[in-house]
N, C-alpha and C. Protein backbone atom coordinates (compact mmCIF):
# COMPACT_ATOMS: atom_id res chain seq x y z
N MET A 1 126.11 113.28 178.04
CA MET A 1 126.59 112.30 178.97
C MET A 1 126.33 110.93 178.38
N PRO A 2 127.22 109.99 178.52
CA PRO A 2 127.01 108.64 178.02
C PRO A 2 125.85 107.98 178.76
N ILE A 3 125.18 107.09 178.08
CA ILE A 3 124.05 106.40 178.69
C ILE A 3 124.54 105.06 179.21
N SER A 4 124.39 104.85 180.50
CA SER A 4 124.81 103.58 181.09
C SER A 4 123.68 102.57 180.97
N ALA A 5 124.02 101.30 181.05
CA ALA A 5 123.01 100.25 180.99
C ALA A 5 122.02 100.40 182.13
N ALA A 6 122.48 100.74 183.33
CA ALA A 6 121.59 100.91 184.47
C ALA A 6 120.61 102.04 184.24
N HIS A 7 121.09 103.14 183.64
CA HIS A 7 120.23 104.28 183.35
C HIS A 7 119.16 103.88 182.33
N LEU A 8 119.56 103.17 181.29
CA LEU A 8 118.60 102.71 180.28
C LEU A 8 117.59 101.77 180.89
N ASP A 9 118.03 100.85 181.75
CA ASP A 9 117.11 99.91 182.38
C ASP A 9 116.07 100.65 183.21
N ALA A 10 116.49 101.65 183.96
CA ALA A 10 115.57 102.39 184.81
C ALA A 10 114.55 103.17 184.00
N ARG A 11 114.96 103.73 182.86
CA ARG A 11 114.05 104.55 182.05
C ARG A 11 113.12 103.72 181.19
N THR A 12 113.51 102.51 180.83
CA THR A 12 112.75 101.77 179.83
C THR A 12 112.23 100.43 180.34
N ALA A 13 112.31 100.18 181.63
CA ALA A 13 111.95 98.86 182.15
C ALA A 13 110.51 98.48 181.86
N THR A 14 109.63 99.44 181.73
CA THR A 14 108.21 99.12 181.56
C THR A 14 107.73 99.22 180.12
N ARG A 15 108.58 99.50 179.16
CA ARG A 15 108.11 99.61 177.79
C ARG A 15 109.09 98.99 176.81
N ASP A 16 108.52 98.58 175.69
CA ASP A 16 109.31 98.00 174.62
C ASP A 16 109.30 99.01 173.48
N GLY A 17 110.47 99.53 173.13
CA GLY A 17 110.54 100.61 172.15
C GLY A 17 110.83 100.18 170.73
N ARG A 18 110.69 98.90 170.43
CA ARG A 18 111.08 98.43 169.10
C ARG A 18 110.28 99.07 167.97
N HIS A 19 109.15 99.70 168.26
CA HIS A 19 108.35 100.36 167.21
C HIS A 19 108.46 101.88 167.24
N ASP A 20 109.38 102.40 168.03
CA ASP A 20 109.52 103.86 168.19
C ASP A 20 109.72 104.58 166.87
N PHE A 21 110.47 103.99 165.94
CA PHE A 21 110.76 104.66 164.67
C PHE A 21 109.82 104.26 163.54
N ASP A 22 108.75 103.54 163.84
CA ASP A 22 107.80 103.17 162.79
C ASP A 22 107.21 104.41 162.11
N PHE A 23 107.09 105.52 162.83
CA PHE A 23 106.56 106.75 162.25
C PHE A 23 107.36 107.21 161.03
N LEU A 24 108.65 106.85 160.98
CA LEU A 24 109.54 107.36 159.95
C LEU A 24 109.47 106.57 158.65
N LEU A 25 108.88 105.39 158.67
CA LEU A 25 108.84 104.56 157.48
C LEU A 25 108.05 105.25 156.38
N GLY A 26 108.58 105.24 155.15
CA GLY A 26 107.93 105.87 154.02
C GLY A 26 108.79 106.96 153.41
N ALA A 27 108.14 107.79 152.61
CA ALA A 27 108.84 108.85 151.86
C ALA A 27 108.54 110.22 152.45
N TRP A 28 109.59 111.06 152.47
CA TRP A 28 109.50 112.39 153.09
C TRP A 28 110.20 113.44 152.24
N THR A 29 109.71 114.67 152.33
CA THR A 29 110.50 115.82 151.92
C THR A 29 111.07 116.40 153.21
N VAL A 30 112.26 116.98 153.12
CA VAL A 30 112.92 117.47 154.32
C VAL A 30 113.41 118.89 154.08
N ARG A 31 113.13 119.75 155.04
CA ARG A 31 113.66 121.11 155.05
C ARG A 31 114.78 121.14 156.08
N HIS A 32 116.00 121.40 155.61
CA HIS A 32 117.19 121.41 156.46
C HIS A 32 117.56 122.84 156.85
N ARG A 33 118.07 122.98 158.05
CA ARG A 33 118.68 124.22 158.52
C ARG A 33 119.96 123.81 159.24
N ARG A 34 121.12 124.23 158.67
CA ARG A 34 122.41 123.77 159.18
C ARG A 34 123.31 124.96 159.51
N LEU A 35 123.86 124.94 160.71
CA LEU A 35 124.81 125.97 161.13
C LEU A 35 126.07 125.82 160.28
N ARG A 36 126.56 126.92 159.73
CA ARG A 36 127.71 126.84 158.81
C ARG A 36 128.98 126.36 159.48
N THR A 37 129.29 126.87 160.66
CA THR A 37 130.49 126.47 161.39
C THR A 37 130.08 126.06 162.80
N ARG A 38 130.52 124.89 163.21
CA ARG A 38 130.08 124.34 164.49
C ARG A 38 131.07 124.64 165.61
N LEU A 39 130.50 124.91 166.77
CA LEU A 39 131.27 125.18 168.00
C LEU A 39 132.31 126.27 167.80
N ALA A 40 131.90 127.31 167.07
CA ALA A 40 132.80 128.43 166.81
C ALA A 40 132.10 129.78 167.03
N GLY A 41 130.93 129.76 167.66
CA GLY A 41 130.19 130.99 167.89
C GLY A 41 129.51 131.52 166.64
N ASP A 42 129.41 130.72 165.59
CA ASP A 42 128.81 131.15 164.33
C ASP A 42 127.29 131.28 164.50
N THR A 43 126.71 132.26 163.81
CA THR A 43 125.25 132.43 163.82
C THR A 43 124.67 132.36 162.42
N ALA A 44 125.49 132.01 161.43
CA ALA A 44 125.02 131.93 160.04
C ALA A 44 124.55 130.51 159.75
N TRP A 45 123.36 130.41 159.17
CA TRP A 45 122.74 129.13 158.86
C TRP A 45 122.53 129.00 157.36
N ASP A 46 122.62 127.76 156.86
CA ASP A 46 122.23 127.43 155.49
C ASP A 46 120.89 126.71 155.56
N ASP A 47 119.99 127.10 154.66
CA ASP A 47 118.70 126.43 154.52
C ASP A 47 118.67 125.74 153.18
N PHE A 48 118.23 124.47 153.15
CA PHE A 48 118.17 123.73 151.90
C PHE A 48 117.18 122.58 152.03
N ASP A 49 116.80 122.01 150.90
CA ASP A 49 115.82 120.94 150.86
C ASP A 49 116.50 119.59 150.68
N GLY A 50 115.71 118.56 150.85
CA GLY A 50 116.18 117.21 150.62
C GLY A 50 115.02 116.24 150.64
N THR A 51 115.35 114.96 150.54
CA THR A 51 114.36 113.90 150.64
C THR A 51 114.89 112.80 151.54
N CYS A 52 113.98 111.97 152.01
CA CYS A 52 114.32 110.83 152.84
C CYS A 52 113.32 109.72 152.56
N ALA A 53 113.81 108.51 152.39
CA ALA A 53 112.95 107.34 152.23
C ALA A 53 113.42 106.28 153.20
N ALA A 54 112.54 105.85 154.12
CA ALA A 54 112.91 104.91 155.17
C ALA A 54 112.14 103.60 155.02
N LEU A 55 112.86 102.50 155.29
CA LEU A 55 112.24 101.18 155.21
C LEU A 55 112.71 100.32 156.38
N PRO A 56 111.87 99.35 156.78
CA PRO A 56 112.26 98.48 157.90
C PRO A 56 113.31 97.48 157.47
N VAL A 57 114.17 97.09 158.42
CA VAL A 57 115.17 96.04 158.22
C VAL A 57 115.21 95.19 159.50
N LEU A 58 115.94 94.12 159.46
CA LEU A 58 116.14 93.25 160.63
C LEU A 58 114.82 92.75 161.20
N GLY A 59 113.87 92.45 160.31
CA GLY A 59 112.58 91.94 160.77
C GLY A 59 111.83 92.92 161.65
N GLY A 60 112.03 94.21 161.43
CA GLY A 60 111.37 95.24 162.21
C GLY A 60 112.17 95.75 163.40
N LEU A 61 113.32 95.15 163.68
CA LEU A 61 114.15 95.63 164.79
C LEU A 61 115.08 96.76 164.37
N GLY A 62 114.94 97.23 163.14
CA GLY A 62 115.76 98.33 162.67
C GLY A 62 115.11 98.98 161.47
N ASN A 63 115.74 100.05 161.02
CA ASN A 63 115.31 100.71 159.79
C ASN A 63 116.50 101.39 159.15
N LEU A 64 116.35 101.63 157.88
CA LEU A 64 117.40 102.23 157.07
C LEU A 64 116.76 103.32 156.25
N ASP A 65 117.38 104.48 156.20
CA ASP A 65 116.85 105.51 155.31
C ASP A 65 117.93 106.03 154.37
N ASP A 66 117.46 106.39 153.18
CA ASP A 66 118.29 106.95 152.12
C ASP A 66 117.95 108.42 152.02
N ASN A 67 118.97 109.27 152.08
CA ASN A 67 118.77 110.72 152.11
C ASN A 67 119.46 111.39 150.93
N LEU A 68 118.78 112.36 150.35
CA LEU A 68 119.37 113.27 149.39
C LEU A 68 119.37 114.64 150.03
N LEU A 69 120.55 115.24 150.15
CA LEU A 69 120.69 116.55 150.77
C LEU A 69 121.18 117.53 149.71
N ASN A 70 120.38 118.53 149.42
CA ASN A 70 120.70 119.52 148.39
C ASN A 70 121.39 120.73 149.01
N LEU A 71 122.62 120.51 149.47
CA LEU A 71 123.41 121.59 150.07
C LEU A 71 123.61 122.73 149.07
N PRO A 72 123.80 123.95 149.55
CA PRO A 72 124.06 125.07 148.64
C PRO A 72 125.27 124.85 147.73
N ASP A 73 126.28 124.10 148.21
CA ASP A 73 127.47 123.88 147.39
C ASP A 73 127.45 122.53 146.67
N GLY A 74 126.29 121.88 146.61
CA GLY A 74 126.16 120.63 145.86
C GLY A 74 125.46 119.54 146.65
N ALA A 75 124.72 118.72 145.94
CA ALA A 75 123.96 117.64 146.57
C ALA A 75 124.86 116.46 146.90
N TYR A 76 124.44 115.70 147.92
CA TYR A 76 125.11 114.44 148.24
C TYR A 76 124.11 113.49 148.85
N ARG A 77 124.50 112.21 148.95
CA ARG A 77 123.66 111.17 149.52
C ARG A 77 124.23 110.75 150.87
N ALA A 78 123.32 110.28 151.72
CA ALA A 78 123.71 109.75 153.02
C ALA A 78 122.65 108.73 153.43
N ALA A 79 122.98 107.93 154.41
CA ALA A 79 122.04 106.94 154.91
C ALA A 79 122.13 106.90 156.43
N THR A 80 121.01 106.51 157.04
CA THR A 80 120.97 106.31 158.47
C THR A 80 120.56 104.87 158.73
N LEU A 81 121.28 104.21 159.62
CA LEU A 81 120.92 102.87 160.06
C LEU A 81 120.59 102.95 161.53
N ARG A 82 119.42 102.42 161.89
CA ARG A 82 118.98 102.38 163.28
C ARG A 82 118.73 100.93 163.66
N ALA A 83 119.16 100.52 164.84
CA ALA A 83 118.93 99.16 165.31
C ALA A 83 118.48 99.21 166.77
N TYR A 84 117.44 98.43 167.05
CA TYR A 84 116.91 98.36 168.41
C TYR A 84 117.53 97.17 169.14
N HIS A 85 118.05 97.42 170.33
CA HIS A 85 118.63 96.39 171.17
C HIS A 85 117.56 95.93 172.16
N VAL A 86 116.98 94.76 171.91
CA VAL A 86 115.86 94.27 172.70
C VAL A 86 116.24 94.14 174.17
N GLU A 87 117.39 93.53 174.46
CA GLU A 87 117.78 93.31 175.85
C GLU A 87 118.03 94.63 176.60
N GLU A 88 118.63 95.58 175.92
CA GLU A 88 118.95 96.87 176.55
C GLU A 88 117.81 97.87 176.43
N ARG A 89 116.84 97.58 175.57
CA ARG A 89 115.69 98.45 175.32
C ARG A 89 116.13 99.86 174.94
N CYS A 90 117.05 99.91 173.97
CA CYS A 90 117.50 101.20 173.46
C CYS A 90 117.85 101.08 171.98
N TRP A 91 117.97 102.21 171.34
CA TRP A 91 118.33 102.30 169.93
C TRP A 91 119.77 102.75 169.77
N SER A 92 120.43 102.23 168.73
CA SER A 92 121.70 102.77 168.25
C SER A 92 121.46 103.33 166.86
N ILE A 93 122.07 104.47 166.56
CA ILE A 93 121.88 105.14 165.27
C ILE A 93 123.25 105.48 164.69
N TRP A 94 123.44 105.08 163.42
CA TRP A 94 124.68 105.37 162.69
C TRP A 94 124.36 106.19 161.46
N TRP A 95 125.20 107.17 161.14
CA TRP A 95 125.08 108.02 159.94
C TRP A 95 126.19 107.63 158.98
N LEU A 96 125.83 107.36 157.74
CA LEU A 96 126.79 107.00 156.70
C LEU A 96 126.79 108.12 155.67
N ASP A 97 127.92 108.74 155.46
CA ASP A 97 128.03 109.93 154.62
C ASP A 97 128.79 109.59 153.34
N ALA A 98 128.15 109.76 152.18
CA ALA A 98 128.76 109.41 150.90
C ALA A 98 129.94 110.32 150.54
N ARG A 99 130.03 111.50 151.13
CA ARG A 99 131.13 112.39 150.80
C ARG A 99 132.47 111.85 151.29
N ARG A 100 132.43 111.02 152.32
CA ARG A 100 133.67 110.46 152.83
C ARG A 100 133.55 108.96 153.05
N THR A 101 132.45 108.38 152.59
CA THR A 101 132.16 106.94 152.72
C THR A 101 132.62 106.38 154.06
N ALA A 102 132.18 107.03 155.11
CA ALA A 102 132.53 106.61 156.46
C ALA A 102 131.25 106.49 157.28
N ILE A 103 131.31 105.65 158.30
CA ILE A 103 130.21 105.50 159.23
C ILE A 103 130.58 106.24 160.50
N ASP A 104 129.74 107.20 160.89
CA ASP A 104 130.00 107.95 162.12
C ASP A 104 129.78 107.06 163.34
N PRO A 105 130.42 107.37 164.46
CA PRO A 105 130.17 106.62 165.69
C PRO A 105 128.68 106.71 166.05
N PRO A 106 128.12 105.68 166.67
CA PRO A 106 126.68 105.70 166.95
C PRO A 106 126.32 106.62 168.11
N VAL A 107 125.06 107.03 168.08
CA VAL A 107 124.42 107.63 169.25
C VAL A 107 123.44 106.59 169.76
N ARG A 108 123.18 106.62 171.06
CA ARG A 108 122.29 105.61 171.67
C ARG A 108 121.29 106.32 172.57
N GLY A 109 120.07 105.78 172.58
CA GLY A 109 119.07 106.36 173.46
C GLY A 109 117.70 105.74 173.28
N THR A 110 116.70 106.44 173.81
CA THR A 110 115.33 105.93 173.85
C THR A 110 114.35 107.07 173.63
N PHE A 111 113.09 106.67 173.49
CA PHE A 111 111.98 107.62 173.44
C PHE A 111 111.28 107.62 174.79
N GLU A 112 110.86 108.81 175.21
CA GLU A 112 110.08 108.95 176.42
C GLU A 112 109.06 110.06 176.17
N ASP A 113 107.80 109.78 176.39
CA ASP A 113 106.72 110.75 176.17
C ASP A 113 106.76 111.34 174.76
N GLY A 114 107.04 110.50 173.76
CA GLY A 114 107.02 110.93 172.37
C GLY A 114 108.24 111.68 171.88
N VAL A 115 109.27 111.79 172.70
CA VAL A 115 110.50 112.48 172.31
C VAL A 115 111.65 111.50 172.44
N GLY A 116 112.44 111.39 171.36
CA GLY A 116 113.61 110.51 171.38
C GLY A 116 114.87 111.32 171.60
N VAL A 117 115.69 110.90 172.57
CA VAL A 117 116.94 111.59 172.87
C VAL A 117 118.06 110.55 172.81
N PHE A 118 119.11 110.89 172.06
CA PHE A 118 120.20 109.97 171.78
C PHE A 118 121.53 110.70 171.95
N HIS A 119 122.49 110.06 172.62
CA HIS A 119 123.79 110.67 172.89
C HIS A 119 124.92 109.78 172.39
N GLY A 120 126.03 110.42 172.06
CA GLY A 120 127.21 109.68 171.65
C GLY A 120 128.44 110.56 171.69
N ASP A 121 129.57 109.95 171.35
CA ASP A 121 130.85 110.65 171.30
C ASP A 121 131.35 110.65 169.86
N ASP A 122 131.96 111.75 169.46
CA ASP A 122 132.50 111.88 168.10
C ASP A 122 133.68 112.84 168.18
N ALA A 123 134.13 113.29 167.03
CA ALA A 123 135.21 114.27 166.96
C ALA A 123 134.83 115.33 165.93
N LEU A 124 135.25 116.53 166.15
CA LEU A 124 135.06 117.65 165.23
C LEU A 124 136.42 118.33 165.06
N ASP A 125 136.92 118.30 163.85
CA ASP A 125 138.23 118.88 163.55
C ASP A 125 139.31 118.37 164.51
N GLY A 126 139.24 117.07 164.80
CA GLY A 126 140.26 116.44 165.63
C GLY A 126 140.07 116.55 167.13
N ARG A 127 139.05 117.24 167.58
CA ARG A 127 138.83 117.34 169.03
C ARG A 127 137.56 116.59 169.41
N PRO A 128 137.53 115.99 170.59
CA PRO A 128 136.35 115.22 170.99
C PRO A 128 135.14 116.12 171.24
N VAL A 129 133.97 115.62 170.83
CA VAL A 129 132.71 116.31 171.09
C VAL A 129 131.67 115.29 171.52
N LYS A 130 130.72 115.75 172.28
CA LYS A 130 129.52 114.98 172.59
C LYS A 130 128.49 115.34 171.52
N VAL A 131 127.69 114.35 171.14
CA VAL A 131 126.65 114.53 170.13
C VAL A 131 125.31 114.17 170.75
N ARG A 132 124.30 114.97 170.41
CA ARG A 132 122.94 114.69 170.87
C ARG A 132 121.99 114.80 169.68
N PHE A 133 121.16 113.78 169.48
CA PHE A 133 120.06 113.82 168.52
C PHE A 133 118.77 113.89 169.31
N VAL A 134 117.81 114.70 168.85
CA VAL A 134 116.49 114.75 169.46
C VAL A 134 115.45 114.63 168.35
N TRP A 135 114.56 113.65 168.48
CA TRP A 135 113.38 113.51 167.62
C TRP A 135 112.18 114.02 168.39
N SER A 136 111.40 114.94 167.78
CA SER A 136 110.26 115.53 168.48
C SER A 136 109.18 115.93 167.48
N ASP A 137 108.09 116.47 168.00
CA ASP A 137 106.98 116.97 167.18
C ASP A 137 106.52 115.93 166.17
N ILE A 138 106.43 114.69 166.60
CA ILE A 138 106.10 113.58 165.71
C ILE A 138 104.59 113.46 165.55
N THR A 139 104.14 113.53 164.29
CA THR A 139 102.74 113.30 163.93
C THR A 139 102.74 112.31 162.77
N PRO A 140 101.56 111.86 162.31
CA PRO A 140 101.56 110.98 161.14
C PRO A 140 102.11 111.63 159.87
N HIS A 141 102.16 112.97 159.84
CA HIS A 141 102.55 113.67 158.62
C HIS A 141 103.80 114.52 158.75
N SER A 142 104.39 114.58 159.96
CA SER A 142 105.56 115.43 160.14
C SER A 142 106.39 114.97 161.34
N ALA A 143 107.61 115.42 161.37
CA ALA A 143 108.51 115.13 162.50
C ALA A 143 109.66 116.13 162.44
N ARG A 144 110.34 116.26 163.55
CA ARG A 144 111.51 117.15 163.63
C ARG A 144 112.68 116.38 164.24
N TRP A 145 113.85 116.59 163.65
CA TRP A 145 115.10 116.04 164.18
C TRP A 145 116.06 117.20 164.36
N GLU A 146 116.81 117.17 165.45
CA GLU A 146 117.86 118.17 165.62
C GLU A 146 119.10 117.51 166.18
N GLN A 147 120.23 118.08 165.79
CA GLN A 147 121.53 117.62 166.26
C GLN A 147 122.20 118.76 167.01
N ALA A 148 122.84 118.42 168.12
CA ALA A 148 123.60 119.41 168.89
C ALA A 148 124.94 118.80 169.26
N PHE A 149 125.95 119.66 169.38
CA PHE A 149 127.29 119.25 169.81
C PHE A 149 127.63 119.98 171.11
N SER A 150 128.44 119.31 171.90
CA SER A 150 129.00 119.93 173.09
C SER A 150 130.51 119.72 173.08
N GLY A 151 131.24 120.80 173.24
CA GLY A 151 132.70 120.72 173.32
C GLY A 151 133.20 120.72 174.74
N ASP A 152 132.27 120.76 175.72
CA ASP A 152 132.67 120.81 177.13
C ASP A 152 132.02 119.69 177.94
N ASP A 153 132.00 118.49 177.33
CA ASP A 153 131.53 117.28 177.99
C ASP A 153 130.07 117.35 178.43
N GLY A 154 129.25 118.07 177.65
CA GLY A 154 127.81 118.11 177.91
C GLY A 154 127.33 119.23 178.80
N ALA A 155 128.22 120.12 179.24
CA ALA A 155 127.78 121.25 180.07
C ALA A 155 126.96 122.24 179.25
N ASN A 156 127.34 122.45 177.99
CA ASN A 156 126.63 123.37 177.09
C ASN A 156 126.45 122.66 175.75
N TRP A 157 125.31 122.94 175.10
CA TRP A 157 124.99 122.32 173.81
C TRP A 157 124.71 123.39 172.78
N GLU A 158 125.22 123.16 171.58
CA GLU A 158 124.94 124.05 170.45
C GLU A 158 124.18 123.25 169.39
N VAL A 159 122.93 123.63 169.14
CA VAL A 159 122.18 123.01 168.05
C VAL A 159 122.81 123.46 166.75
N ASN A 160 123.15 122.49 165.87
CA ASN A 160 123.83 122.85 164.63
C ASN A 160 123.13 122.32 163.38
N TRP A 161 122.07 121.53 163.54
CA TRP A 161 121.35 121.03 162.37
C TRP A 161 119.93 120.71 162.80
N VAL A 162 118.96 121.17 162.00
CA VAL A 162 117.55 120.89 162.24
C VAL A 162 116.96 120.39 160.93
N MET A 163 116.19 119.31 161.02
CA MET A 163 115.51 118.76 159.84
C MET A 163 114.02 118.68 160.15
N ASP A 164 113.20 119.33 159.32
CA ASP A 164 111.75 119.25 159.44
C ASP A 164 111.24 118.34 158.33
N PHE A 165 110.62 117.23 158.72
CA PHE A 165 110.13 116.22 157.80
C PHE A 165 108.65 116.43 157.50
N ARG A 166 108.29 116.29 156.22
CA ARG A 166 106.89 116.32 155.77
C ARG A 166 106.66 115.09 154.92
N ARG A 167 105.67 114.28 155.31
CA ARG A 167 105.40 113.04 154.58
C ARG A 167 104.93 113.34 153.16
N VAL A 168 105.45 112.55 152.22
CA VAL A 168 105.01 112.64 150.83
C VAL A 168 103.70 111.86 150.72
N ALA A 169 102.69 112.51 150.19
CA ALA A 169 101.35 111.88 150.11
C ALA A 169 101.32 110.69 149.19
C-alpha cells in the first residue's frame, strides 16, 4: 500500500530517523538468495555471494552503496541511493542497476522498533507490481534485507530476494 504523508506523520512524529541507516556504513560481504522467476509460483532459488560498501552522502542525510553481485550467470554492479526527508521523516530508496543503467522507482518508508519497511510501485514484465523492502535483524556485525512483490495490490506478497550482510572486519 502506498504510504501517505498523514500515515508517515502519525508513525514518526516523535522520532527523527535520519540516522536509521548508519548501521550500514562500511564494508560488507553479502550472501544473496534470489527467486529465479518472480510472481510465477516458482520455488527455485539461486544462492550467490557479493559485496557492499556504503558511505554517507548529503551531509549525513543520505547514503550510497556500491554492490558487486556474483550471479550464477555472471557478475554485475549496482548501487543504492537512500535519502532522508527531514520534513516527512521518511526515507526514499533507489536501486541503480548497471545491467540496464536505469534507476528503479523509489520505495519509501521508515524504521519502527528496529525494523525498516519500505513500499513502492514498479513494473514486472510490463505489469504493475507493489514492492516491499524490509530491513531487519540489525546488529553491529550483521543485517538482513528482503524484497517482496505483490501482483494483487498488496493483498499477497512473494519474497523474491534475501540478502544477509556480514561486516568485513
